Amino acid sequence: ESLIRIRETLDQKGITRFNSIGDINKFIKNYNNEKEET
């Protein structure tokens, strides 16, 4: 159920870049690096 709700929330917010919880955790962990790389 939690996975369903996560997917629904992401879809409602228009966020398509995450395919798994691992993707979300990786994004949070590497946020500052991604900002610099961007």
PDB file of all heavy atoms in Angstrom:
ATOM      1  N   GLU A   1       0.816  -1.229   0.000  1.00  0.00           N
ATOM      2  CA  GLU A   1       0.000   0.000   0.000  1.00  0.00           C
ATOM      3  C   GLU A   1       0.841   1.265   0.000  1.00  0.00           C
ATOM      4  O   GLU A   1       0.530   2.232  -0.703  1.00  0.00           O
ATOM      5  CB  GLU A   1      -0.928  -0.030   1.222  1.00  0.00           C
ATOM      6  CG  GLU A   1      -1.950   1.094   1.270  1.00  0.00           C
ATOM      7  CD  GLU A   1      -1.537   2.237   2.178  1.00  0.00           C
ATOM      8  OE1 GLU A   1      -0.558   2.073   2.937  1.00  0.00           O
ATOM      9  OE2 GLU A   1      -2.193   3.291   2.113  1.00  0.00           O
ATOM     10  N   SER A   2       1.927   1.289   0.767  1.00  0.00           N
ATOM     11  CA  SER A   2       2.775   2.485   0.824  1.00  0.00           C
ATOM     12  C   SER A   2       3.384   2.803  -0.538  1.00  0.00           C
ATOM     13  O   SER A   2       3.507   3.965  -0.913  1.00  0.00           O
ATOM     14  CB  SER A   2       3.889   2.296   1.856  1.00  0.00           C
ATOM     15  OG  SER A   2       3.353   2.148   3.144  1.00  0.00           O
ATOM     16  N   LEU A   3       3.758   1.759  -1.271  1.00  0.00           N
ATOM     17  CA  LEU A   3       4.315   1.968  -2.611  1.00  0.00           C
ATOM     18  C   LEU A   3       3.279   2.578  -3.545  1.00  0.00           C
ATOM     19  O   LEU A   3       3.598   3.448  -4.365  1.00  0.00           O
ATOM     20  CB  LEU A   3       4.822   0.645  -3.181  1.00  0.00           C
ATOM     21  CG  LEU A   3       6.063   0.034  -2.526  1.00  0.00           C
ATOM     22  CD1 LEU A   3       6.368  -1.324  -3.129  1.00  0.00           C
ATOM     23  CD2 LEU A   3       7.263   0.959  -2.675  1.00  0.00           C
ATOM     24  N   ILE A   4       2.034   2.104  -3.426  1.00  0.00           N
ATOM     25  CA  ILE A   4       0.950   2.650  -4.246  1.00  0.00           C
ATOM     26  C   ILE A   4       0.755   4.127  -3.942  1.00  0.00           C
ATOM     27  O   ILE A   4       0.635   4.960  -4.848  1.00  0.00           O
ATOM     28  CB  ILE A   4      -0.361   1.871  -4.004  1.00  0.00           C
ATOM     29  CG1 ILE A   4      -0.201   0.406  -4.450  1.00  0.00           C
ATOM     30  CG2 ILE A   4      -1.523   2.533  -4.736  1.00  0.00           C
ATOM     31  CD1 ILE A   4      -1.372  -0.476  -4.080  1.00  0.00           C
ATOM     32  N   ARG A   5       0.730   4.471  -2.656  1.00  0.00           N
ATOM     33  CA  ARG A   5       0.513   5.869  -2.259  1.00  0.00           C
ATOM     34  C   ARG A   5       1.675   6.761  -2.691  1.00  0.00           C
ATOM     35  O   ARG A   5       1.480   7.915  -3.085  1.00  0.00           O
ATOM     36  CB  ARG A   5       0.304   5.950  -0.749  1.00  0.00           C
ATOM     37  CG  ARG A   5      -1.041   5.379  -0.304  1.00  0.00           C
ATOM     38  CD  ARG A   5      -1.168   5.370   1.199  1.00  0.00           C
ATOM     39  NE  ARG A   5      -1.058   6.707   1.767  1.00  0.00           N
ATOM     40  CZ  ARG A   5      -0.937   6.964   3.065  1.00  0.00           C
ATOM     41  NH1 ARG A   5      -0.887   5.945   3.923  1.00  0.00           N
ATOM     42  NH2 ARG A   5      -0.844   8.200   3.512  1.00  0.00           N
ATOM     43  N   ILE A   6       2.898   6.229  -2.626  1.00  0.00           N
ATOM     44  CA  ILE A   6       4.066   6.997  -3.089  1.00  0.00           C
ATOM     45  C   ILE A   6       3.935   7.290  -4.576  1.00  0.00           C
ATOM     46  O   ILE A   6       4.144   8.423  -5.024  1.00  0.00           O
ATOM     47  CB  ILE A   6       5.367   6.221  -2.797  1.00  0.00           C
ATOM     48  CG1 ILE A   6       5.659   6.224  -1.293  1.00  0.00           C
ATOM     49  CG2 ILE A   6       6.553   6.850  -3.546  1.00  0.00           C
ATOM     50  CD1 ILE A   6       6.793   5.303  -0.890  1.00  0.00           C
ATOM     51  N   ARG A   7       3.586   6.269  -5.362  1.00  0.00           N
ATOM     52  CA  ARG A   7       3.428   6.451  -6.804  1.00  0.00           C
ATOM     53  C   ARG A   7       2.311   7.436  -7.116  1.00  0.00           C
ATOM     54  O   ARG A   7       2.458   8.300  -8.001  1.00  0.00           O
ATOM     55  CB  ARG A   7       3.134   5.102  -7.450  1.00  0.00           C
ATOM     56  CG  ARG A   7       3.049   5.109  -8.976  1.00  0.00           C
ATOM     57  CD  ARG A   7       4.415   5.273  -9.603  1.00  0.00           C
ATOM     58  NE  ARG A   7       4.751   6.672  -9.851  1.00  0.00           N
ATOM     59  CZ  ARG A   7       5.972   7.085 -10.122  1.00  0.00           C
ATOM     60  NH1 ARG A   7       6.967   6.232 -10.130  1.00  0.00           N
ATOM     61  NH2 ARG A   7       6.226   8.362 -10.358  1.00  0.00           N
ATOM     62  N   GLU A   8       1.198   7.321  -6.403  1.00  0.00           N
ATOM     63  CA  GLU A   8       0.070   8.244  -6.617  1.00  0.00           C
ATOM     64  C   GLU A   8       0.475   9.681  -6.307  1.00  0.00           C
ATOM     65  O   GLU A   8       0.131  10.609  -7.054  1.00  0.00           O
ATOM     66  CB  GLU A   8      -1.117   7.829  -5.748  1.00  0.00           C
ATOM     67  CG  GLU A   8      -1.822   6.568  -6.221  1.00  0.00           C
ATOM     68  CD  GLU A   8      -2.930   6.132  -5.272  1.00  0.00           C
ATOM     69  OE1 GLU A   8      -2.971   6.674  -4.137  1.00  0.00           O
ATOM     70  OE2 GLU A   8      -3.736   5.265  -5.647  1.00  0.00           O
ATOM     71  N   THR A   9       1.199   9.873  -5.203  1.00  0.00           N
ATOM     72  CA  THR A   9       1.648  11.222  -4.825  1.00  0.00           C
ATOM     73  C   THR A   9       2.578  11.802  -5.882  1.00  0.00           C
ATOM     74  O   THR A   9       2.436  12.961  -6.280  1.00  0.00           O
ATOM     75  CB  THR A   9       2.371  11.183  -3.463  1.00  0.00           C
ATOM     76  OG1 THR A   9       1.492  10.663  -2.474  1.00  0.00           O
ATOM     77  CG2 THR A   9       2.826  12.582  -3.056  1.00  0.00           C
ATOM     78  N   LEU A  10       3.522  11.004  -6.348  1.00  0.00           N
ATOM     79  CA  LEU A  10       4.463  11.471  -7.366  1.00  0.00           C
ATOM     80  C   LEU A  10       3.731  11.825  -8.658  1.00  0.00           C
ATOM     81  O   LEU A  10       4.035  12.845  -9.306  1.00  0.00           O
ATOM     82  CB  LEU A  10       5.527  10.411  -7.636  1.00  0.00           C
ATOM     83  CG  LEU A  10       6.518  10.131  -6.494  1.00  0.00           C
ATOM     84  CD1 LEU A  10       7.408   8.950  -6.837  1.00  0.00           C
ATOM     85  CD2 LEU A  10       7.374  11.365  -6.201  1.00  0.00           C
ATOM     86  N   ASP A  11       2.760  11.004  -9.037  1.00  0.00           N
ATOM     87  CA  ASP A  11       1.987  11.288 -10.258  1.00  0.00           C
ATOM     88  C   ASP A  11       1.185  12.572 -10.106  1.00  0.00           C
ATOM     89  O   ASP A  11       1.114  13.388 -11.030  1.00  0.00           O
ATOM     90  CB  ASP A  11       1.048  10.117 -10.568  1.00  0.00           C
ATOM     91  CG  ASP A  11       1.802   8.877 -11.039  1.00  0.00           C
ATOM     92  OD1 ASP A  11       2.975   9.016 -11.444  1.00  0.00           O
ATOM     93  OD2 ASP A  11       1.224   7.779 -11.002  1.00  0.00           O
ATOM     94  N   GLN A  12       0.569  12.755  -8.941  1.00  0.00           N
ATOM     95  CA  GLN A  12      -0.211  13.969  -8.689  1.00  0.00           C
ATOM     96  C   GLN A  12       0.664  15.218  -8.730  1.00  0.00           C
ATOM     97  O   GLN A  12       0.236  16.283  -9.185  1.00  0.00           O
ATOM     98  CB  GLN A  12      -0.916  13.875  -7.335  1.00  0.00           C
ATOM     99  CG  GLN A  12      -2.050  12.859  -7.291  1.00  0.00           C
ATOM    100  CD  GLN A  12      -2.565  12.615  -5.884  1.00  0.00           C
ATOM    101  OE1 GLN A  12      -2.099  13.229  -4.917  1.00  0.00           O
ATOM    102  NE2 GLN A  12      -3.533  11.719  -5.750  1.00  0.00           N
ATOM    103  N   LYS A  13       1.906  15.079  -8.260  1.00  0.00           N
ATOM    104  CA  LYS A  13       2.842  16.209  -8.240  1.00  0.00           C
ATOM    105  C   LYS A  13       3.580  16.374  -9.565  1.00  0.00           C
ATOM    106  O   LYS A  13       4.376  17.304  -9.716  1.00  0.00           O
ATOM    107  CB  LYS A  13       3.865  16.022  -7.116  1.00  0.00           C
ATOM    108  CG  LYS A  13       3.266  15.922  -5.717  1.00  0.00           C
ATOM    109  CD  LYS A  13       2.615  17.218  -5.284  1.00  0.00           C
ATOM    110  CE  LYS A  13       2.115  17.133  -3.844  1.00  0.00           C
ATOM    111  NZ  LYS A  13       1.493  18.399  -3.387  1.00  0.00           N
ATOM    112  N   GLY A  14       3.318  15.490 -10.527  1.00  0.00           N
ATOM    113  CA  GLY A  14       3.949  15.607 -11.835  1.00  0.00           C
ATOM    114  C   GLY A  14       5.419  15.229 -11.847  1.00  0.00           C
ATOM    115  O   GLY A  14       6.176  15.722 -12.688  1.00  0.00           O
ATOM    116  N   ILE A  15       5.831  14.345 -10.942  1.00  0.00           N
ATOM    117  CA  ILE A  15       7.235  13.930 -10.866  1.00  0.00           C
ATOM    118  C   ILE A  15       7.360  12.525 -11.437  1.00  0.00           C
ATOM    119  O   ILE A  15       6.765  11.580 -10.923  1.00  0.00           O
ATOM    120  CB  ILE A  15       7.744  13.963  -9.419  1.00  0.00           C
ATOM    121  CG1 ILE A  15       7.654  15.401  -8.868  1.00  0.00           C
ATOM    122  CG2 ILE A  15       9.182  13.450  -9.323  1.00  0.00           C
ATOM    123  CD1 ILE A  15       7.963  15.515  -7.394  1.00  0.00           C
ATOM    124  N   THR A  16       8.145  12.378 -12.503  1.00  0.00           N
ATOM    125  CA  THR A  16       8.257  11.091 -13.198  1.00  0.00           C
ATOM    126  C   THR A  16       9.661  10.498 -13.131  1.00  0.00           C
ATOM    127  O   THR A  16       9.889   9.421 -13.665  1.00  0.00           O
ATOM    128  CB  THR A  16       7.865  11.258 -14.676  1.00  0.00           C
ATOM    129  OG1 THR A  16       8.730  12.240 -15.290  1.00  0.00           O
ATOM    130  CG2 THR A  16       6.417  11.722 -14.811  1.00  0.00           C
ATOM    131  N   ARG A  17      10.593  11.158 -12.471  1.00  0.00           N
ATOM    132  CA  ARG A  17      11.985  10.716 -12.510  1.00  0.00           C
ATOM    133  C   ARG A  17      12.282   9.527 -11.594  1.00  0.00           C
ATOM    134  O   ARG A  17      13.316   8.895 -11.725  1.00  0.00           O
ATOM    135  CB  ARG A  17      12.927  11.867 -12.150  1.00  0.00           C
ATOM    136  CG  ARG A  17      12.798  12.397 -10.745  1.00  0.00           C
ATOM    137  CD  ARG A  17      13.843  13.468 -10.444  1.00  0.00           C
ATOM    138  NE  ARG A  17      15.177  12.903 -10.309  1.00  0.00           N
ATOM    139  CZ  ARG A  17      16.282  13.631 -10.277  1.00  0.00           C
ATOM    140  NH1 ARG A  17      16.202  14.946 -10.398  1.00  0.00           N
ATOM    141  NH2 ARG A  17      17.456  13.064 -10.132  1.00  0.00           N
ATOM    142  N   PHE A  18      11.376   9.215 -10.666  1.00  0.00           N
ATOM    143  CA  PHE A  18      11.638   8.142  -9.706  1.00  0.00           C
ATOM    144  C   PHE A  18      10.901   6.864 -10.105  1.00  0.00           C
ATOM    145  O   PHE A  18       9.693   6.896 -10.361  1.00  0.00           O
ATOM    146  CB  PHE A  18      11.196   8.552  -8.302  1.00  0.00           C
ATOM    147  CG  PHE A  18      11.866   9.796  -7.784  1.00  0.00           C
ATOM    148  CD1 PHE A  18      11.120  10.840  -7.246  1.00  0.00           C
ATOM    149  CD2 PHE A  18      13.236   9.927  -7.844  1.00  0.00           C
ATOM    150  CE1 PHE A  18      11.730  11.991  -6.768  1.00  0.00           C
ATOM    151  CE2 PHE A  18      13.873  11.073  -7.368  1.00  0.00           C
ATOM    152  CZ  PHE A  18      13.112  12.097  -6.835  1.00  0.00           C
ATOM    153  N   ASN A  19      11.636   5.753 -10.141  1.00  0.00           N
ATOM    154  CA  ASN A  19      11.038   4.458 -10.430  1.00  0.00           C
ATOM    155  C   ASN A  19      11.075   3.523  -9.234  1.00  0.00           C
ATOM    156  O   ASN A  19      10.543   2.409  -9.299  1.00  0.00           O
ATOM    157  CB  ASN A  19      11.752   3.792 -11.607  1.00  0.00           C
ATOM    158  CG  ASN A  19      11.556   4.561 -12.906  1.00  0.00           C
ATOM    159  OD1 ASN A  19      10.440   4.946 -13.234  1.00  0.00           O
ATOM    160  ND2 ASN A  19      12.625   4.788 -13.632  1.00  0.00           N
ATOM    161  N   SER A  20      11.705   3.957  -8.165  1.00  0.00           N
ATOM    162  CA  SER A  20      11.804   3.115  -6.977  1.00  0.00           C
ATOM    163  C   SER A  20      12.116   3.985  -5.764  1.00  0.00           C
ATOM    164  O   SER A  20      12.488   5.162  -5.898  1.00  0.00           O
ATOM    165  CB  SER A  20      12.907   2.067  -7.154  1.00  0.00           C
ATOM    166  OG  SER A  20      14.181   2.699  -7.213  1.00  0.00           O
ATOM    167  N   ILE A  21      11.981   3.389  -4.581  1.00  0.00           N
ATOM    168  CA  ILE A  21      12.362   4.087  -3.351  1.00  0.00           C
ATOM    169  C   ILE A  21      13.848   4.391  -3.364  1.00  0.00           C
ATOM    170  O   ILE A  21      14.291   5.441  -2.888  1.00  0.00           O
ATOM    171  CB  ILE A  21      11.979   3.240  -2.122  1.00  0.00           C
ATOM    172  CG1 ILE A  21      10.453   3.182  -1.988  1.00  0.00           C
ATOM    173  CG2 ILE A  21      12.589   3.810  -0.845  1.00  0.00           C
ATOM    174  CD1 ILE A  21       9.970   2.274  -0.878  1.00  0.00           C
ATOM    175  N   GLY A  22      14.614   3.463  -3.942  1.00  0.00           N
ATOM    176  CA  GLY A  22      16.059   3.688  -4.055  1.00  0.00           C
ATOM    177  C   GLY A  22      16.383   4.945  -4.834  1.00  0.00           C
ATOM    178  O   GLY A  22      17.310   5.686  -4.474  1.00  0.00           O
ATOM    179  N   ASP A  23      15.606   5.216  -5.891  1.00  0.00           N
ATOM    180  CA  ASP A  23      15.812   6.439  -6.676  1.00  0.00           C
ATOM    181  C   ASP A  23      15.564   7.684  -5.823  1.00  0.00           C
ATOM    182  O   ASP A  23      16.291   8.673  -5.924  1.00  0.00           O
ATOM    183  CB  ASP A  23      14.863   6.455  -7.885  1.00  0.00           C
ATOM    184  CG  ASP A  23      15.270   5.459  -8.956  1.00  0.00           C
ATOM    185  OD1 ASP A  23      16.414   4.966  -8.893  1.00  0.00           O
ATOM    186  OD2 ASP A  23      14.452   5.181  -9.841  1.00  0.00           O
ATOM    187  N   ILE A  24      14.523   7.634  -4.997  1.00  0.00           N
ATOM    188  CA  ILE A  24      14.188   8.783  -4.149  1.00  0.00           C
ATOM    189  C   ILE A  24      15.288   9.017  -3.115  1.00  0.00           C
ATOM    190  O   ILE A  24      15.755  10.148  -2.929  1.00  0.00           O
ATOM    191  CB  ILE A  24      12.832   8.558  -3.441  1.00  0.00           C
ATOM    192  CG1 ILE A  24      11.710   8.429  -4.479  1.00  0.00           C
ATOM    193  CG2 ILE A  24      12.532   9.713  -2.480  1.00  0.00           C
ATOM    194  CD1 ILE A  24      10.364   8.067  -3.883  1.00  0.00           C
ATOM    195  N   ASN A  25      15.711   7.946  -2.459  1.00  0.00           N
ATOM    196  CA  ASN A  25      16.765   8.076  -1.438  1.00  0.00           C
ATOM    197  C   ASN A  25      18.080   8.551  -2.060  1.00  0.00           C
ATOM    198  O   ASN A  25      18.812   9.346  -1.461  1.00  0.00           O
ATOM    199  CB  ASN A  25      16.967   6.742  -0.728  1.00  0.00           C
ATOM    200  CG  ASN A  25      15.802   6.384   0.182  1.00  0.00           C
ATOM    201  OD1 ASN A  25      15.103   7.275   0.676  1.00  0.00           O
ATOM    202  ND2 ASN A  25      15.571   5.107   0.401  1.00  0.00           N
ATOM    203  N   LYS A  26      18.383   8.061  -3.247  1.00  0.00           N
ATOM    204  CA  LYS A  26      19.603   8.474  -3.936  1.00  0.00           C
ATOM    205  C   LYS A  26      19.543   9.969  -4.284  1.00  0.00           C
ATOM    206  O   LYS A  26      20.533  10.689  -4.156  1.00  0.00           O
ATOM    207  CB  LYS A  26      19.786   7.645  -5.210  1.00  0.00           C
ATOM    208  CG  LYS A  26      21.080   7.930  -5.955  1.00  0.00           C
ATOM    209  CD  LYS A  26      21.201   7.017  -7.176  1.00  0.00           C
ATOM    210  CE  LYS A  26      22.497   7.337  -7.940  1.00  0.00           C
ATOM    211  NZ  LYS A  26      22.614   6.471  -9.155  1.00  0.00           N
ATOM    212  N   PHE A  27      18.370  10.433  -4.705  1.00  0.00           N
ATOM    213  CA  PHE A  27      18.201  11.852  -5.035  1.00  0.00           C
ATOM    214  C   PHE A  27      18.436  12.724  -3.800  1.00  0.00           C
ATOM    215  O   PHE A  27      19.146  13.732  -3.860  1.00  0.00           O
ATOM    216  CB  PHE A  27      16.799  12.096  -5.591  1.00  0.00           C
ATOM    217  CG  PHE A  27      16.428  13.554  -5.696  1.00  0.00           C
ATOM    218  CD1 PHE A  27      16.889  14.331  -6.739  1.00  0.00           C
ATOM    219  CD2 PHE A  27      15.621  14.152  -4.728  1.00  0.00           C
ATOM    220  CE1 PHE A  27      16.567  15.680  -6.834  1.00  0.00           C
ATOM    221  CE2 PHE A  27      15.292  15.491  -4.807  1.00  0.00           C
ATOM    222  CZ  PHE A  27      15.768  16.260  -5.869  1.00  0.00           C
ATOM    223  N   ILE A  28      17.818  12.337  -2.681  1.00  0.00           N
ATOM    224  CA  ILE A  28      17.973  13.111  -1.442  1.00  0.00           C
ATOM    225  C   ILE A  28      19.436  13.125  -0.999  1.00  0.00           C
ATOM    226  O   ILE A  28      19.979  14.167  -0.616  1.00  0.00           O
ATOM    227  CB  ILE A  28      17.071  12.538  -0.334  1.00  0.00           C
ATOM    228  CG1 ILE A  28      15.587  12.748  -0.702  1.00  0.00           C
ATOM    229  CG2 ILE A  28      17.379  13.190   1.013  1.00  0.00           C
ATOM    230  CD1 ILE A  28      14.621  12.068   0.241  1.00  0.00           C
ATOM    231  N   LYS A  29      20.073  11.968  -1.059  1.00  0.00           N
ATOM    232  CA  LYS A  29      21.469  11.850  -0.630  1.00  0.00           C
ATOM    233  C   LYS A  29      22.392  12.691  -1.507  1.00  0.00           C
ATOM    234  O   LYS A  29      23.340  13.327  -1.014  1.00  0.00           O
ATOM    235  CB  LYS A  29      21.892  10.381  -0.667  1.00  0.00           C
ATOM    236  CG  LYS A  29      23.326  10.137  -0.228  1.00  0.00           C
ATOM    237  CD  LYS A  29      23.660   8.655  -0.293  1.00  0.00           C
ATOM    238  CE  LYS A  29      25.116   8.409   0.108  1.00  0.00           C
ATOM    239  NZ  LYS A  29      25.462   6.963   0.025  1.00  0.00           N
ATOM    240  N   ASN A  30      22.146  12.708  -2.806  1.00  0.00           N
ATOM    241  CA  ASN A  30      23.041  13.378  -3.756  1.00  0.00           C
ATOM    242  C   ASN A  30      22.519  14.740  -4.190  1.00  0.00           C
ATOM    243  O   ASN A  30      22.954  15.273  -5.220  1.00  0.00           O
ATOM    244  CB  ASN A  30      23.241  12.495  -4.996  1.00  0.00           C
ATOM    245  CG  ASN A  30      23.902  11.182  -4.676  1.00  0.00           C
ATOM    246  OD1 ASN A  30      24.743  11.105  -3.781  1.00  0.00           O
ATOM    247  ND2 ASN A  30      23.528  10.130  -5.386  1.00  0.00           N
ATOM    248  N   TYR A  31      21.569  15.303  -3.426  1.00  0.00           N
ATOM    249  CA  TYR A  31      20.925  16.549  -3.856  1.00  0.00           C
ATOM    250  C   TYR A  31      21.927  17.672  -4.106  1.00  0.00           C
ATOM    251  O   TYR A  31      21.897  18.325  -5.152  1.00  0.00           O
ATOM    252  CB  TYR A  31      19.889  16.996  -2.814  1.00  0.00           C
ATOM    253  CG  TYR A  31      19.274  18.331  -3.143  1.00  0.00           C
ATOM    254  CD1 TYR A  31      18.332  18.453  -4.151  1.00  0.00           C
ATOM    255  CD2 TYR A  31      19.676  19.493  -2.463  1.00  0.00           C
ATOM    256  CE1 TYR A  31      17.778  19.679  -4.471  1.00  0.00           C
ATOM    257  CE2 TYR A  31      19.127  20.718  -2.776  1.00  0.00           C
ATOM    258  CZ  TYR A  31      18.177  20.810  -3.788  1.00  0.00           C
ATOM    259  OH  TYR A  31      17.651  22.030  -4.108  1.00  0.00           O
ATOM    260  N   ASN A  32      22.822  17.917  -3.159  1.00  0.00           N
ATOM    261  CA  ASN A  32      23.781  19.018  -3.323  1.00  0.00           C
ATOM    262  C   ASN A  32      24.709  18.784  -4.508  1.00  0.00           C
ATOM    263  O   ASN A  32      25.037  19.728  -5.245  1.00  0.00           O
ATOM    264  CB  ASN A  32      24.607  19.203  -2.039  1.00  0.00           C
ATOM    265  CG  ASN A  32      23.784  19.787  -0.903  1.00  0.00           C
ATOM    266  OD1 ASN A  32      22.871  20.583  -1.131  1.00  0.00           O
ATOM    267  ND2 ASN A  32      24.069  19.382   0.321  1.00  0.00           N
ATOM    268  N   ASN A  33      25.112  17.542  -4.704  1.00  0.00           N
ATOM    269  CA  ASN A  33      25.958  17.229  -5.861  1.00  0.00           C
ATOM    270  C   ASN A  33      25.207  17.457  -7.166  1.00  0.00           C
ATOM    271  O   ASN A  33      25.769  17.992  -8.125  1.00  0.00           O
ATOM    272  CB  ASN A  33      26.430  15.774  -5.792  1.00  0.00           C
ATOM    273  CG  ASN A  33      27.451  15.539  -4.698  1.00  0.00           C
ATOM    274  OD1 ASN A  33      28.134  16.469  -4.277  1.00  0.00           O
ATOM    275  ND2 ASN A  33      27.565  14.314  -4.237  1.00  0.00           N
ATOM    276  N   GLU A  34      23.944  17.058  -7.194  1.00  0.00           N
ATOM    277  CA  GLU A  34      23.149  17.257  -8.415  1.00  0.00           C
ATOM    278  C   GLU A  34      22.956  18.743  -8.696  1.00  0.00           C
ATOM    279  O   GLU A  34      22.983  19.174  -9.849  1.00  0.00           O
ATOM    280  CB  GLU A  34      21.791  16.564  -8.290  1.00  0.00           C
ATOM    281  CG  GLU A  34      20.939  16.723  -9.531  1.00  0.00           C
ATOM    282  CD  GLU A  34      19.717  15.832  -9.557  1.00  0.00           C
ATOM    283  OE1 GLU A  34      19.659  14.876  -8.765  1.00  0.00           O
ATOM    284  OE2 GLU A  34      18.816  16.089 -10.389  1.00  0.00           O
ATOM    285  N   LYS A  35      22.769  19.515  -7.635  1.00  0.00           N
ATOM    286  CA  LYS A  35      22.600  20.961  -7.811  1.00  0.00           C
ATOM    287  C   LYS A  35      23.864  21.566  -8.439  1.00  0.00           C
ATOM    288  O   LYS A  35      23.785  22.385  -9.358  1.00  0.00           O
ATOM    289  CB  LYS A  35      22.310  21.600  -6.446  1.00  0.00           C
ATOM    290  CG  LYS A  35      21.909  23.059  -6.519  1.00  0.00           C
ATOM    291  CD  LYS A  35      21.281  23.520  -5.203  1.00  0.00           C
ATOM    292  CE  LYS A  35      22.244  23.420  -4.044  1.00  0.00           C
ATOM    293  NZ  LYS A  35      21.704  24.029  -2.815  1.00  0.00           N
ATOM    294  N   GLU A  36      25.023  21.138  -7.932  1.00  0.00           N
ATOM    295  CA  GLU A  36      26.292  21.641  -8.471  1.00  0.00           C
ATOM    296  C   GLU A  36      26.503  21.170  -9.909  1.00  0.00           C
ATOM    297  O   GLU A  36      26.910  21.957 -10.776  1.00  0.00           O
ATOM    298  CB  GLU A  36      27.437  21.145  -7.584  1.00  0.00           C
ATOM    299  CG  GLU A  36      28.802  21.697  -7.958  1.00  0.00           C
ATOM    300  CD  GLU A  36      29.890  21.259  -6.990  1.00  0.00           C
ATOM    301  OE1 GLU A  36      29.569  20.985  -5.818  1.00  0.00           O
ATOM    302  OE2 GLU A  36      31.047  21.179  -7.414  1.00  0.00           O
ATOM    303  N   GLU A  37      26.197  19.899 -10.160  1.00  0.00           N
ATOM    304  CA  GLU A  37      26.349  19.361 -11.511  1.00  0.00           C
ATOM    305  C   GLU A  37      25.407  20.064 -12.488  1.00  0.00           C
ATOM    306  O   GLU A  37      25.763  20.297 -13.655  1.00  0.00           O
ATOM    307  CB  GLU A  37      26.062  17.863 -11.502  1.00  0.00           C
ATOM    308  CG  GLU A  37      27.154  17.034 -10.836  1.00  0.00           C
ATOM    309  CD  GLU A  37      26.735  15.582 -10.645  1.00  0.00           C
ATOM    310  OE1 GLU A  37      25.628  15.238 -11.090  1.00  0.00           O
ATOM    311  OE2 GLU A  37      27.515  14.821 -10.053  1.00  0.00           O
ATOM    312  N   THR A  38      24.223  20.404 -12.015  1.00  0.00           N
ATOM    313  CA  THR A  38      23.249  21.104 -12.862  1.00  0.00           C
ATOM    314  C   THR A  38      23.780  22.466 -13.282  1.00  0.00           C
ATOM    315  O   THR A  38      23.633  22.876 -14.444  1.00  0.00           O
ATOM    316  CB  THR A  38      21.909  21.266 -12.116  1.00  0.00           C
ATOM    317  OG1 THR A  38      21.382  19.974 -11.823  1.00  0.00           O
ATOM    318  CG2 THR A  38      20.909  22.041 -12.952  1.00  0.00           C
TER     319      THR A  38
END
